[in-house]
């Protein structure tokens, strides 16, 4: 995973508008591009910084008619792999880099382009936050005893991750399934609050067996 600190985030980025979809920093999202507007968006991204954002559609909005259809907090994704097929469709892998806030729209057609500013993760370097991250990793390892295909592998990987914000993002990407809750966690700027919420969530999963 590229270090988001060392990669400059452009001031404007394309937005792929998807209902119920949330990409977290440090997470990955496979995508299949088939609509013409997103084929054009992909070409635009590949010719520039290989970046675009996933815009989670706000409830009650119509992306075709609403002037502001997505939640303001989103994640910049970097194209890590892209295979374009003879019919013009593409399979790609998007790697989450950095939380950003949409502060305005530069273009709405044929695809969306937004002005964005980076959002920091607060309280990431405290002893208490580091301790919470270790507790969360331990919960993942315990879940690995129940789910040997995903949770155990994730737990082993997380033990090598030193950044608490990376821990919470990876866990959120993997375990949270409800779109509104995923967006809620994405919008949290304090790392300790994200870790505490995820601790509660994984404890519930563990209790259910």
C-alpha atoms as a PDB file:
ATOM      1  CA  UNK A   1       0.000   0.000   0.000  1.00  0.00           C
ATOM      2  CA  UNK A   2       1.434   3.394  -0.916  1.00  0.00           C
ATOM      3  CA  UNK A   3       2.098   5.769   1.941  1.00  0.00           C
ATOM      4  CA  UNK A   4      -0.660   8.395   1.671  1.00  0.00           C
ATOM      5  CA  UNK A   5       1.573  10.892   3.486  1.00  0.00           C
ATOM      6  CA  UNK A   6       4.097  10.817   0.620  1.00  0.00           C
ATOM      7  CA  UNK A   7       1.523  11.105  -2.172  1.00  0.00           C
ATOM      8  CA  UNK A   8       0.206  14.541  -3.067  1.00  0.00           C
ATOM      9  CA  UNK A   9      -3.579  14.622  -3.252  1.00  0.00           C
ATOM     10  CA  UNK A  10      -4.851  16.758  -6.164  1.00  0.00           C
ATOM     11  CA  UNK A  11      -7.192  19.656  -5.376  1.00  0.00           C
ATOM     12  CA  UNK A  12      -9.792  18.281  -7.805  1.00  0.00           C
ATOM     13  CA  UNK A  13     -10.685  14.639  -8.395  1.00  0.00           C
ATOM     14  CA  UNK A  14     -13.292  12.598 -10.274  1.00  0.00           C
ATOM     15  CA  UNK A  15     -16.058  11.093  -8.150  1.00  0.00           C
ATOM     16  CA  UNK A  16     -17.608   7.722  -8.986  1.00  0.00           C
ATOM     17  CA  UNK A  17     -21.118   7.879  -7.536  1.00  0.00           C
ATOM     18  CA  UNK A  18     -22.214   4.530  -6.069  1.00  0.00           C
ATOM     19  CA  UNK A  19     -25.086   3.706  -3.762  1.00  0.00           C
ATOM     20  CA  UNK A  20     -24.025   2.073  -0.486  1.00  0.00           C
ATOM     21  CA  UNK A  21     -20.329   1.901  -1.398  1.00  0.00           C
ATOM     22  CA  UNK A  22     -17.582   3.062   0.973  1.00  0.00           C
ATOM     23  CA  UNK A  23     -13.836   2.795   0.456  1.00  0.00           C
ATOM     24  CA  UNK A  24     -11.625   3.286   3.520  1.00  0.00           C
ATOM     25  CA  UNK A  25      -8.012   4.450   3.516  1.00  0.00           C
ATOM     26  CA  UNK A  26      -5.711   1.390   3.544  1.00  0.00           C
ATOM     27  CA  UNK A  27      -8.554  -0.702   2.102  1.00  0.00           C
ATOM     28  CA  UNK A  28      -9.112  -2.077  -1.387  1.00  0.00           C
ATOM     29  CA  UNK A  29     -12.136  -2.113  -3.695  1.00  0.00           C
ATOM     30  CA  UNK A  30     -12.447  -4.123  -6.926  1.00  0.00           C
ATOM     31  CA  UNK A  31     -14.528  -2.391  -9.592  1.00  0.00           C
ATOM     32  CA  UNK A  32     -15.990  -3.242 -12.982  1.00  0.00           C
ATOM     33  CA  UNK A  33     -16.296  -0.211 -15.268  1.00  0.00           C
ATOM     34  CA  UNK A  34     -18.903  -0.503 -18.010  1.00  0.00           C
ATOM     35  CA  UNK A  35     -20.935   2.743 -18.173  1.00  0.00           C
ATOM     36  CA  UNK A  36     -19.724   5.183 -20.815  1.00  0.00           C
ATOM     37  CA  UNK A  37     -19.360   8.089 -18.370  1.00  0.00           C
ATOM     38  CA  UNK A  38     -17.160   6.031 -16.079  1.00  0.00           C
ATOM     39  CA  UNK A  39     -15.112   4.774 -19.016  1.00  0.00           C
ATOM     40  CA  UNK A  40     -14.426   8.443 -19.717  1.00  0.00           C
ATOM     41  CA  UNK A  41     -13.707   9.054 -16.025  1.00  0.00           C
ATOM     42  CA  UNK A  42     -11.238   6.165 -16.002  1.00  0.00           C
ATOM     43  CA  UNK A  43      -9.430   7.559 -19.053  1.00  0.00           C
ATOM     44  CA  UNK A  44      -9.293  10.959 -17.359  1.00  0.00           C
ATOM     45  CA  UNK A  45      -7.793   9.436 -14.185  1.00  0.00           C
ATOM     46  CA  UNK A  46      -5.249   7.300 -16.032  1.00  0.00           C
ATOM     47  CA  UNK A  47      -4.017  10.309 -17.995  1.00  0.00           C
ATOM     48  CA  UNK A  48      -3.420  12.271 -14.780  1.00  0.00           C
ATOM     49  CA  UNK A  49      -2.801  11.039 -11.212  1.00  0.00           C
ATOM     50  CA  UNK A  50      -4.473   7.597 -11.404  1.00  0.00           C
ATOM     51  CA  UNK A  51      -6.813   8.727  -8.614  1.00  0.00           C
ATOM     52  CA  UNK A  52     -10.540   9.115  -8.088  1.00  0.00           C
ATOM     53  CA  UNK A  53     -13.000   8.935  -5.182  1.00  0.00           C
ATOM     54  CA  UNK A  54     -15.952   6.694  -4.431  1.00  0.00           C
ATOM     55  CA  UNK A  55     -18.959   8.871  -3.612  1.00  0.00           C
ATOM     56  CA  UNK A  56     -21.506   7.197  -1.313  1.00  0.00           C
ATOM     57  CA  UNK A  57     -24.954   8.395  -2.441  1.00  0.00           C
ATOM     58  CA  UNK A  58     -26.896  10.241   0.254  1.00  0.00           C
ATOM     59  CA  UNK A  59     -30.322   8.784   1.143  1.00  0.00           C
ATOM     60  CA  UNK A  60     -33.198  10.293  -0.812  1.00  0.00           C
ATOM     61  CA  UNK A  61     -31.064  11.751  -3.592  1.00  0.00           C
ATOM     62  CA  UNK A  62     -31.094  10.963  -7.299  1.00  0.00           C
ATOM     63  CA  UNK A  63     -27.579  11.141  -8.790  1.00  0.00           C
ATOM     64  CA  UNK A  64     -29.114  11.845 -12.184  1.00  0.00           C
ATOM     65  CA  UNK A  65     -30.912  15.012 -11.064  1.00  0.00           C
ATOM     66  CA  UNK A  66     -29.536  16.131  -7.673  1.00  0.00           C
ATOM     67  CA  UNK A  67     -26.802  18.775  -7.682  1.00  0.00           C
ATOM     68  CA  UNK A  68     -25.113  17.307  -4.585  1.00  0.00           C
ATOM     69  CA  UNK A  69     -25.881  13.574  -4.418  1.00  0.00           C
ATOM     70  CA  UNK A  70     -23.072  12.150  -2.256  1.00  0.00           C
ATOM     71  CA  UNK A  71     -21.824  12.401   1.311  1.00  0.00           C
ATOM     72  CA  UNK A  72     -19.141  15.079   1.658  1.00  0.00           C
ATOM     73  CA  UNK A  73     -16.635  12.740   3.335  1.00  0.00           C
ATOM     74  CA  UNK A  74     -15.067  10.249   0.978  1.00  0.00           C
ATOM     75  CA  UNK A  75     -11.743   8.540   0.279  1.00  0.00           C
ATOM     76  CA  UNK A  76      -9.217   9.136  -2.467  1.00  0.00           C
ATOM     77  CA  UNK A  77      -8.438   5.888  -4.235  1.00  0.00           C
ATOM     78  CA  UNK A  78      -5.335   5.070  -6.264  1.00  0.00           C
ATOM     79  CA  UNK A  79      -5.595   2.781  -9.287  1.00  0.00           C
ATOM     80  CA  UNK A  80      -3.313  -0.120  -8.408  1.00  0.00           C
ATOM     81  CA  UNK A  81      -4.296  -2.325 -11.352  1.00  0.00           C
ATOM     82  CA  UNK A  82      -6.452  -1.845 -14.424  1.00  0.00           C
ATOM     83  CA  UNK A  83      -7.282  -4.264 -17.238  1.00  0.00           C
ATOM     84  CA  UNK A  84      -9.300  -2.892 -20.148  1.00  0.00           C
ATOM     85  CA  UNK A  85     -11.063  -5.447 -22.334  1.00  0.00           C
ATOM     86  CA  UNK A  86     -11.675  -5.361 -26.103  1.00  0.00           C
ATOM     87  CA  UNK A  87     -15.312  -4.299 -25.530  1.00  0.00           C
ATOM     88  CA  UNK A  88     -14.177  -1.178 -23.652  1.00  0.00           C
ATOM     89  CA  UNK A  89     -15.094  -2.388 -20.167  1.00  0.00           C
ATOM     90  CA  UNK A  90     -12.419  -2.522 -17.448  1.00  0.00           C
ATOM     91  CA  UNK A  91     -11.652  -4.422 -14.278  1.00  0.00           C
ATOM     92  CA  UNK A  92      -9.599  -2.492 -11.756  1.00  0.00           C
ATOM     93  CA  UNK A  93      -8.426  -2.451  -8.169  1.00  0.00           C
ATOM     94  CA  UNK A  94      -8.698   0.778  -6.196  1.00  0.00           C
ATOM     95  CA  UNK A  95      -6.529   1.286  -3.104  1.00  0.00           C
ATOM     96  CA  UNK A  96      -7.736   3.747  -0.465  1.00  0.00           C
ATOM     97  CA  UNK A  97      -5.266   6.537   0.314  1.00  0.00           C
ATOM     98  CA  UNK A  98      -6.733   9.441   2.288  1.00  0.00           C
ATOM     99  CA  UNK A  99     -10.001  10.732   3.748  1.00  0.00           C
ATOM    100  CA  UNK A 100     -11.071  13.930   1.998  1.00  0.00           C
ATOM    101  CA  UNK A 101     -13.981  16.333   2.152  1.00  0.00           C
ATOM    102  CA  UNK A 102     -15.833  17.470  -0.951  1.00  0.00           C
ATOM    103  CA  UNK A 103     -16.064  21.269  -0.792  1.00  0.00           C
ATOM    104  CA  UNK A 104     -17.491  22.021  -4.227  1.00  0.00           C
ATOM    105  CA  UNK A 105     -18.210  20.712  -7.702  1.00  0.00           C
ATOM    106  CA  UNK A 106     -16.136  21.573 -10.744  1.00  0.00           C
ATOM    107  CA  UNK A 107     -18.001  19.343 -13.211  1.00  0.00           C
ATOM    108  CA  UNK A 108     -21.186  17.271 -13.232  1.00  0.00           C
ATOM    109  CA  UNK A 109     -21.229  15.880 -16.771  1.00  0.00           C
ATOM    110  CA  UNK A 110     -20.268  13.570 -18.353  1.00  0.00           C
ATOM    111  CA  UNK A 111     -18.851  12.517 -14.966  1.00  0.00           C
ATOM    112  CA  UNK A 112     -18.487  14.262 -11.624  1.00  0.00           C
ATOM    113  CA  UNK A 113     -15.348  16.190 -10.637  1.00  0.00           C
ATOM    114  CA  UNK A 114     -15.111  17.688  -7.139  1.00  0.00           C
ATOM    115  CA  UNK A 115     -12.849  20.083  -5.270  1.00  0.00           C
ATOM    116  CA  UNK A 116     -11.512  18.244  -2.200  1.00  0.00           C
ATOM    117  CA  UNK A 117      -9.428  18.914   0.906  1.00  0.00           C
ATOM    118  CA  UNK A 118      -7.628  16.227   2.966  1.00  0.00           C
ATOM    119  CA  UNK A 119      -9.107  15.275   6.343  1.00  0.00           C
ATOM    120  CA  UNK A 120      -6.651  14.433   9.155  1.00  0.00           C
ATOM    121  CA  UNK A 121      -6.964  11.532  11.590  1.00  0.00           C
ATOM    122  CA  UNK A 122      -6.766  13.094  15.057  1.00  0.00           C
ATOM    123  CA  UNK A 123      -5.195  11.532  18.149  1.00  0.00           C
ATOM    124  CA  UNK A 124      -3.346   8.888  16.174  1.00  0.00           C
ATOM    125  CA  UNK A 125      -0.087   9.093  18.136  1.00  0.00           C
ATOM    126  CA  UNK A 126      -1.204   8.684  21.750  1.00  0.00           C
ATOM    127  CA  UNK A 127      -0.419   5.777  24.043  1.00  0.00           C
ATOM    128  CA  UNK A 128      -4.126   5.181  24.671  1.00  0.00           C
ATOM    129  CA  UNK A 129      -4.853   4.970  20.943  1.00  0.00           C
ATOM    130  CA  UNK A 130      -1.990   2.527  20.404  1.00  0.00           C
ATOM    131  CA  UNK A 131      -3.360   0.359  23.227  1.00  0.00           C
ATOM    132  CA  UNK A 132      -6.847   0.380  21.692  1.00  0.00           C
ATOM    133  CA  UNK A 133      -5.391  -0.658  18.338  1.00  0.00           C
ATOM    134  CA  UNK A 134      -3.620  -3.608  19.970  1.00  0.00           C
ATOM    135  CA  UNK A 135      -6.874  -4.645  21.648  1.00  0.00           C
ATOM    136  CA  UNK A 136      -8.652  -4.511  18.299  1.00  0.00           C
ATOM    137  CA  UNK A 137      -5.960  -6.634  16.673  1.00  0.00           C
ATOM    138  CA  UNK A 138      -6.372  -9.166  19.492  1.00  0.00           C
ATOM    139  CA  UNK A 139     -10.116  -9.323  18.822  1.00  0.00           C
ATOM    140  CA  UNK A 140      -9.415  -9.986  15.139  1.00  0.00           C
ATOM    141  CA  UNK A 141      -7.093 -12.831  16.112  1.00  0.00           C
ATOM    142  CA  UNK A 142      -9.769 -14.312  18.365  1.00  0.00           C
ATOM    143  CA  UNK A 143     -12.249 -14.100  15.524  1.00  0.00           C
ATOM    144  CA  UNK A 144      -9.690 -15.943  13.419  1.00  0.00           C
ATOM    145  CA  UNK A 145     -10.270 -18.972  15.594  1.00  0.00           C
ATOM    146  CA  UNK A 146     -13.869 -18.967  14.342  1.00  0.00           C
ATOM    147  CA  UNK A 147     -13.271 -17.870  10.731  1.00  0.00           C
ATOM    148  CA  UNK A 148     -10.067 -19.409   9.405  1.00  0.00           C
ATOM    149  CA  UNK A 149     -10.475 -17.999   5.882  1.00  0.00           C
ATOM    150  CA  UNK A 150     -10.604 -14.255   6.589  1.00  0.00           C
ATOM    151  CA  UNK A 151     -10.279 -13.170  10.204  1.00  0.00           C
ATOM    152  CA  UNK A 152      -7.193 -15.235  11.049  1.00  0.00           C
ATOM    153  CA  UNK A 153      -5.308 -13.952   8.004  1.00  0.00           C
ATOM    154  CA  UNK A 154      -6.346 -10.400   8.775  1.00  0.00           C
ATOM    155  CA  UNK A 155      -5.274 -10.752  12.398  1.00  0.00           C
ATOM    156  CA  UNK A 156      -1.834 -11.956  11.363  1.00  0.00           C
ATOM    157  CA  UNK A 157      -1.478  -9.068   8.922  1.00  0.00           C
ATOM    158  CA  UNK A 158      -2.635  -6.474  11.442  1.00  0.00           C
ATOM    159  CA  UNK A 159       0.007  -7.526  13.969  1.00  0.00           C
ATOM    160  CA  UNK A 160       2.580  -6.044  11.616  1.00  0.00           C
ATOM    161  CA  UNK A 161       0.716  -2.741  11.212  1.00  0.00           C
ATOM    162  CA  UNK A 162       2.079  -0.008  13.500  1.00  0.00           C
ATOM    163  CA  UNK A 163      -0.307   2.821  12.568  1.00  0.00           C
ATOM    164  CA  UNK A 164      -3.523   2.757  14.680  1.00  0.00           C
ATOM    165  CA  UNK A 165      -5.492   4.585  11.988  1.00  0.00           C
ATOM    166  CA  UNK A 166      -4.476   1.928   9.459  1.00  0.00           C
ATOM    167  CA  UNK A 167      -5.674  -0.752  11.881  1.00  0.00           C
ATOM    168  CA  UNK A 168      -9.130   0.762  12.270  1.00  0.00           C
ATOM    169  CA  UNK A 169      -9.511   1.417   8.551  1.00  0.00           C
ATOM    170  CA  UNK A 170      -8.572  -2.150   7.600  1.00  0.00           C
ATOM    171  CA  UNK A 171     -10.936  -3.603  10.185  1.00  0.00           C
ATOM    172  CA  UNK A 172     -13.778  -1.291   9.130  1.00  0.00           C
ATOM    173  CA  UNK A 173     -13.277  -2.179   5.466  1.00  0.00           C
ATOM    174  CA  UNK A 174     -13.385  -5.892   6.309  1.00  0.00           C
ATOM    175  CA  UNK A 175     -16.066  -6.258   8.977  1.00  0.00           C
ATOM    176  CA  UNK A 176     -18.577  -3.423   8.639  1.00  0.00           C
ATOM    177  CA  UNK A 177     -21.321  -4.297   6.180  1.00  0.00           C
ATOM    178  CA  UNK A 178     -24.110  -1.778   6.845  1.00  0.00           C
ATOM    179  CA  UNK A 179     -23.658   1.209   4.499  1.00  0.00           C
ATOM    180  CA  UNK A 180     -24.795   3.881   6.981  1.00  0.00           C
ATOM    181  CA  UNK A 181     -22.459   2.572   9.677  1.00  0.00           C
ATOM    182  CA  UNK A 182     -19.534   2.411   7.256  1.00  0.00           C
ATOM    183  CA  UNK A 183     -20.129   6.024   6.287  1.00  0.00           C
ATOM    184  CA  UNK A 184     -20.428   7.007   9.955  1.00  0.00           C
ATOM    185  CA  UNK A 185     -17.006   5.509  10.721  1.00  0.00           C
ATOM    186  CA  UNK A 186     -15.483   7.098   7.636  1.00  0.00           C
ATOM    187  CA  UNK A 187     -16.665  10.502   8.864  1.00  0.00           C
ATOM    188  CA  UNK A 188     -15.116  10.082  12.331  1.00  0.00           C
ATOM    189  CA  UNK A 189     -11.917  12.134  12.520  1.00  0.00           C
ATOM    190  CA  UNK A 190     -10.764  10.807  15.901  1.00  0.00           C
ATOM    191  CA  UNK A 191      -8.934   7.501  15.716  1.00  0.00           C
ATOM    192  CA  UNK A 192      -9.814   6.514  19.300  1.00  0.00           C
ATOM    193  CA  UNK A 193     -13.542   6.890  18.560  1.00  0.00           C
ATOM    194  CA  UNK A 194     -13.239   4.707  15.478  1.00  0.00           C
ATOM    195  CA  UNK A 195     -11.319   2.065  17.422  1.00  0.00           C
ATOM    196  CA  UNK A 196     -13.831   2.031  20.269  1.00  0.00           C
ATOM    197  CA  UNK A 197     -16.767   1.641  17.888  1.00  0.00           C
ATOM    198  CA  UNK A 198     -15.039  -1.221  16.093  1.00  0.00           C
ATOM    199  CA  UNK A 199     -14.149  -2.886  19.391  1.00  0.00           C
ATOM    200  CA  UNK A 200     -17.843  -2.947  20.219  1.00  0.00           C
ATOM    201  CA  UNK A 201     -18.771  -4.260  16.804  1.00  0.00           C
ATOM    202  CA  UNK A 202     -16.240  -7.093  16.806  1.00  0.00           C
ATOM    203  CA  UNK A 203     -17.153  -8.010  20.382  1.00  0.00           C
ATOM    204  CA  UNK A 204     -20.749  -8.460  19.206  1.00  0.00           C
ATOM    205  CA  UNK A 205     -19.602 -10.679  16.339  1.00  0.00           C
ATOM    206  CA  UNK A 206     -17.438 -12.742  18.699  1.00  0.00           C
ATOM    207  CA  UNK A 207     -20.315 -13.136  21.184  1.00  0.00           C
ATOM    208  CA  UNK A 208     -22.594 -14.440  18.431  1.00  0.00           C
ATOM    209  CA  UNK A 209     -20.042 -17.085  17.595  1.00  0.00           C
END
